[in-house]
Structures are given as structure tokens and as C-alpha cells.
Amino acid sequence: MDMLALMFYGTICGALSMVSPQFTNPLVRISVGVVVGFIAASFLPIVRSWL
């Protein structure tokens, strides 16, 4: 994995970890994680094209 992908997903996961304690239901927490993961994976090629 290259450095850009590590920084990108690290930033996304860090932001998600700050919000996740607000979701007390484990199913909601997992669902939000999956949705954010799909969105982040779809935006990485766009971010890469900007650099």
C-alpha cells in the first residue's frame, strides 16, 4: 500500500472513530463503517488524480 492510501484511509478512520461512540447500537456502528468505507474507497481515485 502506498503512502497516499495510508494517509487517506488513516484520516477517514480517525474521523470515523471520533464519531462512532455516539452510535450505541453495534449494528448501526457497523453499518456506518461500511458506508464510510465505500465512500472513501470511491473517492481515493479522485484524490489521487488531483495530486
N, C-alpha and C. Protein backbone atom coordinates (compact mmCIF):
# COMPACT_ATOMS: atom_id res chain seq x y z
N MET A 1 0.85 -1.18 0.00
CA MET A 1 0.00 0.00 0.00
C MET A 1 0.89 1.24 0.00
N ASP A 2 0.55 2.18 -0.83
CA ASP A 2 1.39 3.38 -0.93
C ASP A 2 1.04 4.39 0.17
N MET A 3 1.87 5.40 0.30
CA MET A 3 1.75 6.37 1.39
C MET A 3 0.46 7.18 1.28
N LEU A 4 0.04 7.53 0.08
CA LEU A 4 -1.18 8.31 -0.09
C LEU A 4 -2.39 7.54 0.42
N ALA A 5 -2.48 6.26 0.08
CA ALA A 5 -3.60 5.45 0.54
C ALA A 5 -3.58 5.32 2.07
N LEU A 6 -2.41 5.14 2.64
CA LEU A 6 -2.31 5.04 4.10
C LEU A 6 -2.78 6.32 4.79
N MET A 7 -2.35 7.46 4.28
CA MET A 7 -2.75 8.74 4.89
C MET A 7 -4.24 8.99 4.69
N PHE A 8 -4.74 8.67 3.50
CA PHE A 8 -6.15 8.91 3.19
C PHE A 8 -7.05 8.07 4.10
N TYR A 9 -6.81 6.76 4.13
CA TYR A 9 -7.66 5.88 4.95
C TYR A 9 -7.42 6.11 6.44
N GLY A 10 -6.22 6.49 6.82
CA GLY A 10 -5.97 6.83 8.23
C GLY A 10 -6.76 8.04 8.67
N THR A 11 -6.86 9.04 7.81
CA THR A 11 -7.65 10.23 8.12
C THR A 11 -9.13 9.89 8.21
N ILE A 12 -9.62 9.10 7.27
CA ILE A 12 -11.02 8.70 7.28
C ILE A 12 -11.35 7.89 8.54
N CYS A 13 -10.50 6.94 8.87
CA CYS A 13 -10.74 6.10 10.05
C CYS A 13 -10.64 6.91 11.34
N GLY A 14 -9.72 7.86 11.39
CA GLY A 14 -9.61 8.72 12.57
C GLY A 14 -10.86 9.56 12.78
N ALA A 15 -11.38 10.11 11.69
CA ALA A 15 -12.61 10.89 11.80
C ALA A 15 -13.79 10.01 12.20
N LEU A 16 -13.85 8.81 11.65
CA LEU A 16 -14.94 7.89 11.99
C LEU A 16 -14.86 7.46 13.45
N SER A 17 -13.67 7.27 13.97
CA SER A 17 -13.52 6.85 15.36
C SER A 17 -13.95 7.94 16.34
N MET A 18 -13.88 9.20 15.90
CA MET A 18 -14.34 10.29 16.76
C MET A 18 -15.87 10.33 16.83
N VAL A 19 -16.53 9.89 15.77
CA VAL A 19 -18.00 9.94 15.69
C VAL A 19 -18.63 8.66 16.20
N SER A 20 -17.94 7.54 16.10
CA SER A 20 -18.55 6.23 16.38
C SER A 20 -19.05 6.03 17.82
N PRO A 21 -18.44 6.64 18.86
CA PRO A 21 -19.01 6.42 20.20
C PRO A 21 -20.44 6.95 20.35
N GLN A 22 -20.86 7.84 19.46
CA GLN A 22 -22.22 8.35 19.53
C GLN A 22 -23.25 7.30 19.13
N PHE A 23 -22.82 6.30 18.37
CA PHE A 23 -23.71 5.23 17.94
C PHE A 23 -23.58 4.07 18.92
N THR A 24 -24.61 3.86 19.73
CA THR A 24 -24.53 2.83 20.76
C THR A 24 -24.91 1.45 20.24
N ASN A 25 -25.72 1.41 19.20
CA ASN A 25 -26.14 0.13 18.63
C ASN A 25 -25.03 -0.42 17.74
N PRO A 26 -24.54 -1.64 18.01
CA PRO A 26 -23.45 -2.19 17.19
C PRO A 26 -23.81 -2.32 15.71
N LEU A 27 -25.05 -2.64 15.40
CA LEU A 27 -25.46 -2.78 14.01
C LEU A 27 -25.37 -1.44 13.29
N VAL A 28 -25.76 -0.37 13.95
CA VAL A 28 -25.66 0.97 13.36
C VAL A 28 -24.20 1.35 13.19
N ARG A 29 -23.36 1.03 14.16
CA ARG A 29 -21.94 1.36 14.09
C ARG A 29 -21.27 0.63 12.92
N ILE A 30 -21.59 -0.65 12.75
CA ILE A 30 -21.02 -1.41 11.64
C ILE A 30 -21.53 -0.87 10.31
N SER A 31 -22.81 -0.55 10.24
CA SER A 31 -23.39 -0.03 9.00
C SER A 31 -22.75 1.30 8.60
N VAL A 32 -22.55 2.17 9.56
CA VAL A 32 -21.90 3.45 9.27
C VAL A 32 -20.47 3.22 8.80
N GLY A 33 -19.77 2.30 9.41
CA GLY A 33 -18.41 1.97 8.99
C GLY A 33 -18.35 1.45 7.57
N VAL A 34 -19.31 0.61 7.20
CA VAL A 34 -19.34 0.07 5.84
C VAL A 34 -19.62 1.17 4.83
N VAL A 35 -20.58 2.03 5.13
CA VAL A 35 -20.93 3.12 4.21
C VAL A 35 -19.75 4.07 4.04
N VAL A 36 -19.12 4.45 5.15
CA VAL A 36 -17.97 5.35 5.08
C VAL A 36 -16.82 4.70 4.31
N GLY A 37 -16.63 3.40 4.51
CA GLY A 37 -15.58 2.69 3.78
C GLY A 37 -15.81 2.70 2.27
N PHE A 38 -17.06 2.46 1.86
CA PHE A 38 -17.39 2.50 0.44
C PHE A 38 -17.19 3.89 -0.14
N ILE A 39 -17.61 4.90 0.59
CA ILE A 39 -17.45 6.27 0.11
C ILE A 39 -15.96 6.63 0.00
N ALA A 40 -15.19 6.26 1.02
CA ALA A 40 -13.75 6.56 1.00
C ALA A 40 -13.06 5.84 -0.15
N ALA A 41 -13.43 4.59 -0.39
CA ALA A 41 -12.81 3.83 -1.49
C ALA A 41 -13.16 4.42 -2.84
N SER A 42 -14.35 5.01 -2.96
CA SER A 42 -14.73 5.60 -4.24
C SER A 42 -14.08 6.97 -4.45
N PHE A 43 -13.72 7.66 -3.37
CA PHE A 43 -13.10 8.98 -3.51
C PHE A 43 -11.58 8.93 -3.65
N LEU A 44 -10.94 7.84 -3.29
CA LEU A 44 -9.48 7.78 -3.38
C LEU A 44 -8.97 7.99 -4.81
N PRO A 45 -9.56 7.39 -5.83
CA PRO A 45 -9.06 7.67 -7.19
C PRO A 45 -9.19 9.14 -7.58
N ILE A 46 -10.22 9.80 -7.10
CA ILE A 46 -10.40 11.23 -7.39
C ILE A 46 -9.30 12.04 -6.72
N VAL A 47 -9.03 11.75 -5.46
CA VAL A 47 -7.97 12.45 -4.73
C VAL A 47 -6.62 12.19 -5.40
N ARG A 48 -6.40 10.96 -5.82
CA ARG A 48 -5.13 10.61 -6.47
C ARG A 48 -4.96 11.38 -7.78
N SER A 49 -6.04 11.62 -8.52
CA SER A 49 -5.94 12.34 -9.79
C SER A 49 -5.63 13.83 -9.57
N TRP A 50 -5.99 14.35 -8.40
CA TRP A 50 -5.69 15.75 -8.10
C TRP A 50 -4.21 15.97 -7.81
N LEU A 51 -3.53 14.93 -7.36
CA LEU A 51 -2.11 15.07 -6.97
C LEU A 51 -1.17 14.76 -8.10
